[in-house]
Protein backbone atom coordinates (compact mmCIF):
# COMPACT_ATOMS: atom_id res chain seq x y z
CA UNK A 1 0.00 0.00 0.00
CA UNK A 2 1.15 3.51 -0.71
CA UNK A 3 -0.13 7.00 -0.01
CA UNK A 4 -1.59 8.91 -2.95
CA UNK A 5 0.34 12.03 -3.87
CA UNK A 6 -2.99 13.84 -4.39
CA UNK A 7 -3.66 14.00 -0.66
CA UNK A 8 -1.99 15.61 2.30
CA UNK A 9 -2.85 16.20 5.92
CA UNK A 10 -3.03 19.66 7.37
CA UNK A 11 -3.92 20.93 10.79
CA UNK A 12 -6.30 23.82 11.42
CA UNK A 13 -5.78 26.20 13.05
CA UNK A 14 -2.01 26.30 12.68
CA UNK A 15 -1.31 27.63 16.15
CA UNK A 16 -1.14 26.12 19.63
CA UNK A 17 -4.80 25.49 20.40
CA UNK A 18 -7.15 22.62 19.72
CA UNK A 19 -6.32 21.47 16.21
CA UNK A 20 -8.51 19.73 13.68
CA UNK A 21 -6.87 17.13 11.47
CA UNK A 22 -7.87 17.77 7.85
CA UNK A 23 -7.31 15.51 4.83
CA UNK A 24 -7.00 17.71 1.76
CA UNK A 25 -7.17 16.55 -1.87
CA UNK A 26 -4.89 18.81 -3.92
CA UNK A 27 -6.67 17.93 -7.19
CA UNK A 28 -10.36 18.20 -6.29
CA UNK A 29 -10.09 20.51 -3.28
CA UNK A 30 -12.06 18.04 -1.11
CA UNK A 31 -11.62 18.41 2.64
CA UNK A 32 -12.35 15.77 5.26
CA UNK A 33 -11.99 16.27 8.99
CA UNK A 34 -10.60 13.10 10.54
CA UNK A 35 -9.52 11.98 13.97
CA UNK A 36 -5.89 11.76 15.00
CA UNK A 37 -5.90 7.97 14.58
CA UNK A 38 -6.29 8.44 10.81
CA UNK A 39 -3.22 10.67 10.81
CA UNK A 40 -1.35 8.02 12.78
CA UNK A 41 -2.38 5.35 10.26
CA UNK A 42 -1.18 7.39 7.27
CA UNK A 43 2.01 8.39 9.06
CA UNK A 44 2.73 4.78 10.05
CA UNK A 45 2.62 3.81 6.37
CA UNK A 46 4.91 6.70 5.52
CA UNK A 47 7.57 5.92 8.12
CA UNK A 48 7.15 2.15 8.40
CA UNK A 49 5.80 1.88 11.94
CA UNK A 50 3.62 -1.06 13.01
CA UNK A 51 0.17 0.53 13.16
CA UNK A 52 -1.37 -2.35 15.14
CA UNK A 53 1.23 -1.92 17.88
CA UNK A 54 0.59 1.84 17.84
CA UNK A 55 -3.16 1.26 18.26
CA UNK A 56 -2.57 -0.92 21.30
CA UNK A 57 0.01 1.39 22.91
CA UNK A 58 -1.35 4.87 22.17
CA UNK A 59 -5.10 4.22 22.00
CA UNK A 60 -5.36 1.19 24.33
CA UNK A 61 -7.21 -0.87 21.71
CA UNK A 62 -7.65 -4.48 22.83
CA UNK A 63 -5.51 -7.00 20.97
CA UNK A 64 -8.69 -8.79 19.84
CA UNK A 65 -10.09 -5.61 18.27
CA UNK A 66 -6.94 -4.15 16.73
CA UNK A 67 -7.29 -5.94 13.37
CA UNK A 68 -10.91 -4.81 12.96
CA UNK A 69 -10.02 -1.20 13.82
CA UNK A 70 -7.09 -1.19 11.41
CA UNK A 71 -9.18 -2.77 8.64
CA UNK A 72 -11.96 -0.19 9.07
CA UNK A 73 -9.54 2.74 8.93
CA UNK A 74 -7.69 1.33 5.91
CA UNK A 75 -10.95 0.61 4.04
CA UNK A 76 -12.10 4.19 4.65
CA UNK A 77 -8.80 5.64 3.44
CA UNK A 78 -8.77 3.36 0.38
CA UNK A 79 -12.36 4.29 -0.50
CA UNK A 80 -11.40 7.99 -0.42
CA UNK A 81 -8.34 7.32 -2.55
CA UNK A 82 -5.91 8.47 0.15
CA UNK A 83 -4.24 5.06 0.15
CA UNK A 84 -3.65 3.15 -3.06
CA UNK A 85 -4.10 -0.60 -2.62
CA UNK A 86 -1.61 -1.84 -5.20
PDB file of N, CA and C in Angstrom:
ATOM      1  N   UNK A   1       0.843  -1.184   0.000  1.00  0.00           N
ATOM      2  CA  UNK A   1       0.000   0.000   0.000  1.00  0.00           C
ATOM      3  C   UNK A   1       0.883   1.239   0.000  1.00  0.00           C
ATOM      4  N   UNK A   2       0.414   2.243  -0.702  1.00  0.00           N
ATOM      5  CA  UNK A   2       1.147   3.507  -0.713  1.00  0.00           C
ATOM      6  C   UNK A   2       0.168   4.672  -0.601  1.00  0.00           C
ATOM      7  N   UNK A   3       0.686   5.796  -0.197  1.00  0.00           N
ATOM      8  CA  UNK A   3      -0.127   6.996  -0.014  1.00  0.00           C
ATOM      9  C   UNK A   3      -0.196   7.747  -1.335  1.00  0.00           C
ATOM     10  N   UNK A   4      -1.399   8.139  -1.724  1.00  0.00           N
ATOM     11  CA  UNK A   4      -1.590   8.905  -2.955  1.00  0.00           C
ATOM     12  C   UNK A   4      -0.938  10.274  -2.819  1.00  0.00           C
ATOM     13  N   UNK A   5      -0.300  10.715  -3.876  1.00  0.00           N
ATOM     14  CA  UNK A   5       0.341  12.031  -3.868  1.00  0.00           C
ATOM     15  C   UNK A   5      -0.674  13.165  -4.012  1.00  0.00           C
ATOM     16  N   UNK A   6      -1.941  12.821  -4.263  1.00  0.00           N
ATOM     17  CA  UNK A   6      -2.986  13.841  -4.393  1.00  0.00           C
ATOM     18  C   UNK A   6      -3.515  14.325  -3.049  1.00  0.00           C
ATOM     19  N   UNK A   7      -3.125  13.676  -1.978  1.00  0.00           N
ATOM     20  CA  UNK A   7      -3.657  14.003  -0.657  1.00  0.00           C
ATOM     21  C   UNK A   7      -2.546  14.445   0.278  1.00  0.00           C
ATOM     22  N   UNK A   8      -2.878  15.338   1.189  1.00  0.00           N
ATOM     23  CA  UNK A   8      -1.987  15.608   2.302  1.00  0.00           C
ATOM     24  C   UNK A   8      -2.822  15.971   3.519  1.00  0.00           C
ATOM     25  N   UNK A   9      -2.178  15.892   4.659  1.00  0.00           N
ATOM     26  CA  UNK A   9      -2.846  16.202   5.922  1.00  0.00           C
ATOM     27  C   UNK A   9      -2.402  17.578   6.357  1.00  0.00           C
ATOM     28  N   UNK A  10      -3.363  18.362   6.790  1.00  0.00           N
ATOM     29  CA  UNK A  10      -3.027  19.662   7.369  1.00  0.00           C
ATOM     30  C   UNK A  10      -3.792  19.803   8.677  1.00  0.00           C
ATOM     31  N   UNK A  11      -3.317  20.694   9.486  1.00  0.00           N
ATOM     32  CA  UNK A  11      -3.923  20.927  10.789  1.00  0.00           C
ATOM     33  C   UNK A  11      -4.460  22.341  10.824  1.00  0.00           C
ATOM     34  N   UNK A  12      -5.674  22.495  11.308  1.00  0.00           N
ATOM     35  CA  UNK A  12      -6.298  23.818  11.424  1.00  0.00           C
ATOM     36  C   UNK A  12      -6.794  23.996  12.843  1.00  0.00           C
ATOM     37  N   UNK A  13      -6.637  25.083  13.466  1.00  0.00           N
ATOM     38  CA  UNK A  13      -5.782  26.198  13.048  1.00  0.00           C
ATOM     39  C   UNK A  13      -4.317  25.824  13.222  1.00  0.00           C
ATOM     40  N   UNK A  14      -3.441  26.611  12.661  1.00  0.00           N
ATOM     41  CA  UNK A  14      -2.014  26.297  12.680  1.00  0.00           C
ATOM     42  C   UNK A  14      -1.282  26.927  13.864  1.00  0.00           C
ATOM     43  N   UNK A  15      -1.970  27.109  14.959  1.00  0.00           N
ATOM     44  CA  UNK A  15      -1.308  27.627  16.152  1.00  0.00           C
ATOM     45  C   UNK A  15      -1.649  26.729  17.326  1.00  0.00           C
ATOM     46  N   UNK A  16      -1.105  27.010  18.479  1.00  0.00           N
ATOM     47  CA  UNK A  16      -1.142  26.118  19.627  1.00  0.00           C
ATOM     48  C   UNK A  16      -2.471  26.141  20.371  1.00  0.00           C
ATOM     49  N   UNK A  17      -3.515  25.696  19.737  1.00  0.00           N
ATOM     50  CA  UNK A  17      -4.805  25.488  20.396  1.00  0.00           C
ATOM     51  C   UNK A  17      -5.320  24.140  19.928  1.00  0.00           C
ATOM     52  N   UNK A  18      -6.566  23.858  20.203  1.00  0.00           N
ATOM     53  CA  UNK A  18      -7.149  22.622  19.716  1.00  0.00           C
ATOM     54  C   UNK A  18      -7.086  22.605  18.197  1.00  0.00           C
ATOM     55  N   UNK A  19      -6.494  21.547  17.662  1.00  0.00           N
ATOM     56  CA  UNK A  19      -6.323  21.465  16.211  1.00  0.00           C
ATOM     57  C   UNK A  19      -7.261  20.423  15.625  1.00  0.00           C
ATOM     58  N   UNK A  20      -7.763  20.698  14.453  1.00  0.00           N
ATOM     59  CA  UNK A  20      -8.513  19.725  13.678  1.00  0.00           C
ATOM     60  C   UNK A  20      -7.562  19.118  12.661  1.00  0.00           C
ATOM     61  N   UNK A  21      -7.675  17.815  12.461  1.00  0.00           N
ATOM     62  CA  UNK A  21      -6.867  17.129  11.466  1.00  0.00           C
ATOM     63  C   UNK A  21      -7.679  17.067  10.185  1.00  0.00           C
ATOM     64  N   UNK A  22      -7.146  17.640   9.115  1.00  0.00           N
ATOM     65  CA  UNK A  22      -7.865  17.767   7.853  1.00  0.00           C
ATOM     66  C   UNK A  22      -7.122  17.003   6.759  1.00  0.00           C
ATOM     67  N   UNK A  23      -7.844  16.122   6.051  1.00  0.00           N
ATOM     68  CA  UNK A  23      -7.315  15.512   4.832  1.00  0.00           C
ATOM     69  C   UNK A  23      -7.703  16.419   3.683  1.00  0.00           C
ATOM     70  N   UNK A  24      -6.744  16.787   2.858  1.00  0.00           N
ATOM     71  CA  UNK A  24      -6.997  17.711   1.760  1.00  0.00           C
ATOM     72  C   UNK A  24      -6.569  17.076   0.444  1.00  0.00           C
ATOM     73  N   UNK A  25      -7.481  17.049  -0.533  1.00  0.00           N
ATOM     74  CA  UNK A  25      -7.170  16.547  -1.868  1.00  0.00           C
ATOM     75  C   UNK A  25      -6.724  17.727  -2.723  1.00  0.00           C
ATOM     76  N   UNK A  26      -5.467  17.701  -3.154  1.00  0.00           N
ATOM     77  CA  UNK A  26      -4.895  18.807  -3.923  1.00  0.00           C
ATOM     78  C   UNK A  26      -5.528  18.957  -5.301  1.00  0.00           C
ATOM     79  N   UNK A  27      -6.089  17.886  -5.853  1.00  0.00           N
ATOM     80  CA  UNK A  27      -6.665  17.926  -7.193  1.00  0.00           C
ATOM     81  C   UNK A  27      -8.097  18.445  -7.161  1.00  0.00           C
ATOM     82  N   UNK A  28      -8.929  17.850  -6.301  1.00  0.00           N
ATOM     83  CA  UNK A  28     -10.356  18.199  -6.288  1.00  0.00           C
ATOM     84  C   UNK A  28     -10.702  19.286  -5.277  1.00  0.00           C
ATOM     85  N   UNK A  29      -9.810  19.532  -4.320  1.00  0.00           N
ATOM     86  CA  UNK A  29     -10.094  20.506  -3.278  1.00  0.00           C
ATOM     87  C   UNK A  29     -10.954  19.961  -2.149  1.00  0.00           C
ATOM     88  N   UNK A  30     -11.240  18.642  -2.163  1.00  0.00           N
ATOM     89  CA  UNK A  30     -12.055  18.040  -1.110  1.00  0.00           C
ATOM     90  C   UNK A  30     -11.340  18.121   0.231  1.00  0.00           C
ATOM     91  N   UNK A  31     -12.118  18.372   1.267  1.00  0.00           N
ATOM     92  CA  UNK A  31     -11.616  18.406   2.637  1.00  0.00           C
ATOM     93  C   UNK A  31     -12.403  17.417   3.481  1.00  0.00           C
ATOM     94  N   UNK A  32     -11.706  16.668   4.324  1.00  0.00           N
ATOM     95  CA  UNK A  32     -12.348  15.765   5.263  1.00  0.00           C
ATOM     96  C   UNK A  32     -11.701  15.959   6.621  1.00  0.00           C
ATOM     97  N   UNK A  33     -12.515  16.205   7.638  1.00  0.00           N
ATOM     98  CA  UNK A  33     -11.989  16.272   8.993  1.00  0.00           C
ATOM     99  C   UNK A  33     -11.938  14.857   9.538  1.00  0.00           C
ATOM    100  N   UNK A  34     -10.784  14.452  10.025  1.00  0.00           N
ATOM    101  CA  UNK A  34     -10.600  13.099  10.537  1.00  0.00           C
ATOM    102  C   UNK A  34     -10.012  13.164  11.945  1.00  0.00           C
ATOM    103  N   UNK A  35     -10.103  12.049  12.640  1.00  0.00           N
ATOM    104  CA  UNK A  35      -9.518  11.976  13.975  1.00  0.00           C
ATOM    105  C   UNK A  35      -8.016  11.718  13.864  1.00  0.00           C
ATOM    106  N   UNK A  36      -7.341  11.907  14.967  1.00  0.00           N
ATOM    107  CA  UNK A  36      -5.886  11.761  14.997  1.00  0.00           C
ATOM    108  C   UNK A  36      -5.440  10.347  14.619  1.00  0.00           C
ATOM    109  N   UNK A  37      -6.272   9.350  14.891  1.00  0.00           N
ATOM    110  CA  UNK A  37      -5.897   7.968  14.584  1.00  0.00           C
ATOM    111  C   UNK A  37      -5.723   7.769  13.077  1.00  0.00           C
ATOM    112  N   UNK A  38      -6.477   8.518  12.264  1.00  0.00           N
ATOM    113  CA  UNK A  38      -6.292   8.442  10.812  1.00  0.00           C
ATOM    114  C   UNK A  38      -4.934   9.018  10.421  1.00  0.00           C
ATOM    115  N   UNK A  39      -4.551  10.117  11.050  1.00  0.00           N
ATOM    116  CA  UNK A  39      -3.218  10.674  10.812  1.00  0.00           C
ATOM    117  C   UNK A  39      -2.151   9.647  11.183  1.00  0.00           C
ATOM    118  N   UNK A  40      -2.325   9.009  12.337  1.00  0.00           N
ATOM    119  CA  UNK A  40      -1.345   8.018  12.778  1.00  0.00           C
ATOM    120  C   UNK A  40      -1.248   6.849  11.805  1.00  0.00           C
ATOM    121  N   UNK A  41      -2.379   6.438  11.239  1.00  0.00           N
ATOM    122  CA  UNK A  41      -2.377   5.350  10.257  1.00  0.00           C
ATOM    123  C   UNK A  41      -1.581   5.752   9.017  1.00  0.00           C
ATOM    124  N   UNK A  42      -1.882   6.918   8.470  1.00  0.00           N
ATOM    125  CA  UNK A  42      -1.184   7.394   7.272  1.00  0.00           C
ATOM    126  C   UNK A  42       0.305   7.575   7.562  1.00  0.00           C
ATOM    127  N   UNK A  43       0.614   8.157   8.694  1.00  0.00           N
ATOM    128  CA  UNK A  43       2.008   8.391   9.060  1.00  0.00           C
ATOM    129  C   UNK A  43       2.754   7.075   9.279  1.00  0.00           C
ATOM    130  N   UNK A  44       2.072   6.070   9.838  1.00  0.00           N
ATOM    131  CA  UNK A  44       2.726   4.776  10.054  1.00  0.00           C
ATOM    132  C   UNK A  44       3.107   4.130   8.725  1.00  0.00           C
ATOM    133  N   UNK A  45       2.273   4.309   7.705  1.00  0.00           N
ATOM    134  CA  UNK A  45       2.620   3.807   6.371  1.00  0.00           C
ATOM    135  C   UNK A  45       3.818   4.565   5.807  1.00  0.00           C
ATOM    136  N   UNK A  46       3.839   5.851   6.046  1.00  0.00           N
ATOM    137  CA  UNK A  46       4.908   6.701   5.516  1.00  0.00           C
ATOM    138  C   UNK A  46       6.263   6.361   6.128  1.00  0.00           C
ATOM    139  N   UNK A  47       6.286   6.120   7.437  1.00  0.00           N
ATOM    140  CA  UNK A  47       7.572   5.924   8.115  1.00  0.00           C
ATOM    141  C   UNK A  47       7.862   4.468   8.475  1.00  0.00           C
ATOM    142  N   UNK A  48       6.913   3.567   8.171  1.00  0.00           N
ATOM    143  CA  UNK A  48       7.153   2.146   8.395  1.00  0.00           C
ATOM    144  C   UNK A  48       6.989   1.676   9.823  1.00  0.00           C
ATOM    145  N   UNK A  49       6.071   2.278  10.560  1.00  0.00           N
ATOM    146  CA  UNK A  49       5.796   1.884  11.940  1.00  0.00           C
ATOM    147  C   UNK A  49       4.650   0.870  11.945  1.00  0.00           C
ATOM    148  N   UNK A  50       4.688  -0.074  12.875  1.00  0.00           N
ATOM    149  CA  UNK A  50       3.618  -1.063  13.012  1.00  0.00           C
ATOM    150  C   UNK A  50       2.377  -0.383  13.586  1.00  0.00           C
ATOM    151  N   UNK A  51       1.372  -0.190  12.743  1.00  0.00           N
ATOM    152  CA  UNK A  51       0.167   0.529  13.155  1.00  0.00           C
ATOM    153  C   UNK A  51      -0.619  -0.240  14.211  1.00  0.00           C
ATOM    154  N   UNK A  52      -0.645  -1.568  14.133  1.00  0.00           N
ATOM    155  CA  UNK A  52      -1.369  -2.351  15.135  1.00  0.00           C
ATOM    156  C   UNK A  52      -0.761  -2.151  16.519  1.00  0.00           C
ATOM    157  N   UNK A  53       0.559  -2.157  16.602  1.00  0.00           N
ATOM    158  CA  UNK A  53       1.227  -1.917  17.885  1.00  0.00           C
ATOM    159  C   UNK A  53       0.928  -0.511  18.392  1.00  0.00           C
ATOM    160  N   UNK A  54       0.909   0.456  17.477  1.00  0.00           N
ATOM    161  CA  UNK A  54       0.590   1.835  17.844  1.00  0.00           C
ATOM    162  C   UNK A  54      -0.824   1.944  18.403  1.00  0.00           C
ATOM    163  N   UNK A  55      -1.775   1.249  17.769  1.00  0.00           N
ATOM    164  CA  UNK A  55      -3.157   1.265  18.258  1.00  0.00           C
ATOM    165  C   UNK A  55      -3.245   0.735  19.683  1.00  0.00           C
ATOM    166  N   UNK A  56      -2.521  -0.334  19.959  1.00  0.00           N
ATOM    167  CA  UNK A  56      -2.566  -0.920  21.302  1.00  0.00           C
ATOM    168  C   UNK A  56      -1.879  -0.030  22.330  1.00  0.00           C
ATOM    169  N   UNK A  57      -0.750   0.570  21.957  1.00  0.00           N
ATOM    170  CA  UNK A  57       0.006   1.385  22.906  1.00  0.00           C
ATOM    171  C   UNK A  57      -0.626   2.759  23.128  1.00  0.00           C
ATOM    172  N   UNK A  58      -0.889   3.479  22.063  1.00  0.00           N
ATOM    173  CA  UNK A  58      -1.350   4.868  22.172  1.00  0.00           C
ATOM    174  C   UNK A  58      -2.838   4.980  22.484  1.00  0.00           C
ATOM    175  N   UNK A  59      -3.644   4.102  21.882  1.00  0.00           N
ATOM    176  CA  UNK A  59      -5.098   4.222  22.005  1.00  0.00           C
ATOM    177  C   UNK A  59      -5.720   3.136  22.878  1.00  0.00           C
ATOM    178  N   UNK A  60      -4.901   2.257  23.443  1.00  0.00           N
ATOM    179  CA  UNK A  60      -5.357   1.188  24.333  1.00  0.00           C
ATOM    180  C   UNK A  60      -6.445   0.323  23.697  1.00  0.00           C
ATOM    181  N   UNK A  61      -6.286   0.025  22.406  1.00  0.00           N
ATOM    182  CA  UNK A  61      -7.209  -0.869  21.713  1.00  0.00           C
ATOM    183  C   UNK A  61      -6.857  -2.297  22.115  1.00  0.00           C
ATOM    184  N   UNK A  62      -7.870  -3.088  22.444  1.00  0.00           N
ATOM    185  CA  UNK A  62      -7.648  -4.479  22.827  1.00  0.00           C
ATOM    186  C   UNK A  62      -7.039  -5.251  21.668  1.00  0.00           C
ATOM    187  N   UNK A  63      -6.181  -6.199  21.993  1.00  0.00           N
ATOM    188  CA  UNK A  63      -5.514  -7.001  20.966  1.00  0.00           C
ATOM    189  C   UNK A  63      -6.527  -7.707  20.069  1.00  0.00           C
ATOM    190  N   UNK A  64      -7.658  -8.113  20.625  1.00  0.00           N
ATOM    191  CA  UNK A  64      -8.685  -8.788  19.845  1.00  0.00           C
ATOM    192  C   UNK A  64      -9.405  -7.877  18.867  1.00  0.00           C
ATOM    193  N   UNK A  65      -9.378  -6.578  19.118  1.00  0.00           N
ATOM    194  CA  UNK A  65     -10.087  -5.613  18.271  1.00  0.00           C
ATOM    195  C   UNK A  65      -9.180  -4.877  17.291  1.00  0.00           C
ATOM    196  N   UNK A  66      -7.882  -4.982  17.478  1.00  0.00           N
ATOM    197  CA  UNK A  66      -6.944  -4.149  16.730  1.00  0.00           C
ATOM    198  C   UNK A  66      -7.015  -4.401  15.217  1.00  0.00           C
ATOM    199  N   UNK A  67      -7.216  -5.636  14.807  1.00  0.00           N
ATOM    200  CA  UNK A  67      -7.288  -5.942  13.368  1.00  0.00           C
ATOM    201  C   UNK A  67      -8.534  -5.319  12.757  1.00  0.00           C
ATOM    202  N   UNK A  68      -9.669  -5.403  13.471  1.00  0.00           N
ATOM    203  CA  UNK A  68     -10.911  -4.806  12.960  1.00  0.00           C
ATOM    204  C   UNK A  68     -10.798  -3.289  12.849  1.00  0.00           C
ATOM    205  N   UNK A  69     -10.187  -2.654  13.844  1.00  0.00           N
ATOM    206  CA  UNK A  69     -10.024  -1.199  13.825  1.00  0.00           C
ATOM    207  C   UNK A  69      -9.122  -0.798  12.658  1.00  0.00           C
ATOM    208  N   UNK A  70      -8.006  -1.489  12.516  1.00  0.00           N
ATOM    209  CA  UNK A  70      -7.086  -1.185  11.415  1.00  0.00           C
ATOM    210  C   UNK A  70      -7.770  -1.393  10.063  1.00  0.00           C
ATOM    211  N   UNK A  71      -8.494  -2.495   9.910  1.00  0.00           N
ATOM    212  CA  UNK A  71      -9.184  -2.770   8.640  1.00  0.00           C
ATOM    213  C   UNK A  71     -10.195  -1.685   8.302  1.00  0.00           C
ATOM    214  N   UNK A  72     -10.956  -1.235   9.290  1.00  0.00           N
ATOM    215  CA  UNK A  72     -11.957  -0.191   9.066  1.00  0.00           C
ATOM    216  C   UNK A  72     -11.303   1.108   8.609  1.00  0.00           C
ATOM    217  N   UNK A  73     -10.239   1.502   9.287  1.00  0.00           N
ATOM    218  CA  UNK A  73      -9.540   2.737   8.929  1.00  0.00           C
ATOM    219  C   UNK A  73      -8.941   2.625   7.527  1.00  0.00           C
ATOM    220  N   UNK A  74      -8.296   1.509   7.235  1.00  0.00           N
ATOM    221  CA  UNK A  74      -7.693   1.328   5.910  1.00  0.00           C
ATOM    222  C   UNK A  74      -8.750   1.317   4.810  1.00  0.00           C
ATOM    223  N   UNK A  75      -9.869   0.638   5.039  1.00  0.00           N
ATOM    224  CA  UNK A  75     -10.948   0.615   4.038  1.00  0.00           C
ATOM    225  C   UNK A  75     -11.471   2.020   3.772  1.00  0.00           C
ATOM    226  N   UNK A  76     -11.632   2.814   4.828  1.00  0.00           N
ATOM    227  CA  UNK A  76     -12.101   4.191   4.654  1.00  0.00           C
ATOM    228  C   UNK A  76     -11.101   5.017   3.849  1.00  0.00           C
ATOM    229  N   UNK A  77      -9.831   4.877   4.152  1.00  0.00           N
ATOM    230  CA  UNK A  77      -8.805   5.639   3.437  1.00  0.00           C
ATOM    231  C   UNK A  77      -8.658   5.173   1.990  1.00  0.00           C
ATOM    232  N   UNK A  78      -8.821   3.879   1.750  1.00  0.00           N
ATOM    233  CA  UNK A  78      -8.770   3.357   0.380  1.00  0.00           C
ATOM    234  C   UNK A  78      -9.971   3.847  -0.408  1.00  0.00           C
ATOM    235  N   UNK A  79     -11.159   3.852   0.218  1.00  0.00           N
ATOM    236  CA  UNK A  79     -12.363   4.290  -0.502  1.00  0.00           C
ATOM    237  C   UNK A  79     -12.291   5.769  -0.886  1.00  0.00           C
ATOM    238  N   UNK A  80     -11.594   6.572  -0.090  1.00  0.00           N
ATOM    239  CA  UNK A  80     -11.403   7.987  -0.420  1.00  0.00           C
ATOM    240  C   UNK A  80     -10.306   8.188  -1.464  1.00  0.00           C
ATOM    241  N   UNK A  81      -9.461   7.192  -1.623  1.00  0.00           N
ATOM    242  CA  UNK A  81      -8.341   7.320  -2.548  1.00  0.00           C
ATOM    243  C   UNK A  81      -7.087   7.868  -1.898  1.00  0.00           C
ATOM    244  N   UNK A  82      -7.085   7.973  -0.568  1.00  0.00           N
ATOM    245  CA  UNK A  82      -5.914   8.467   0.151  1.00  0.00           C
ATOM    246  C   UNK A  82      -4.799   7.428   0.088  1.00  0.00           C
ATOM    247  N   UNK A  83      -5.189   6.161   0.231  1.00  0.00           N
ATOM    248  CA  UNK A  83      -4.241   5.059   0.151  1.00  0.00           C
ATOM    249  C   UNK A  83      -4.553   4.264  -1.104  1.00  0.00           C
ATOM    250  N   UNK A  84      -3.513   3.953  -1.855  1.00  0.00           N
ATOM    251  CA  UNK A  84      -3.650   3.150  -3.064  1.00  0.00           C
ATOM    252  C   UNK A  84      -3.330   1.706  -2.710  1.00  0.00           C
ATOM    253  N   UNK A  85      -4.263   0.814  -2.955  1.00  0.00           N
ATOM    254  CA  UNK A  85      -4.096  -0.598  -2.621  1.00  0.00           C
ATOM    255  C   UNK A  85      -3.547  -1.327  -3.838  1.00  0.00           C
ATOM    256  N   UNK A  86      -2.247  -1.232  -4.023  1.00  0.00           N
ATOM    257  CA  UNK A  86      -1.606  -1.841  -5.198  1.00  0.00           C
ATOM    258  C   UNK A  86      -0.737  -2.994  -4.800  1.00  0.00           C
TER     259      UNK A  86
END
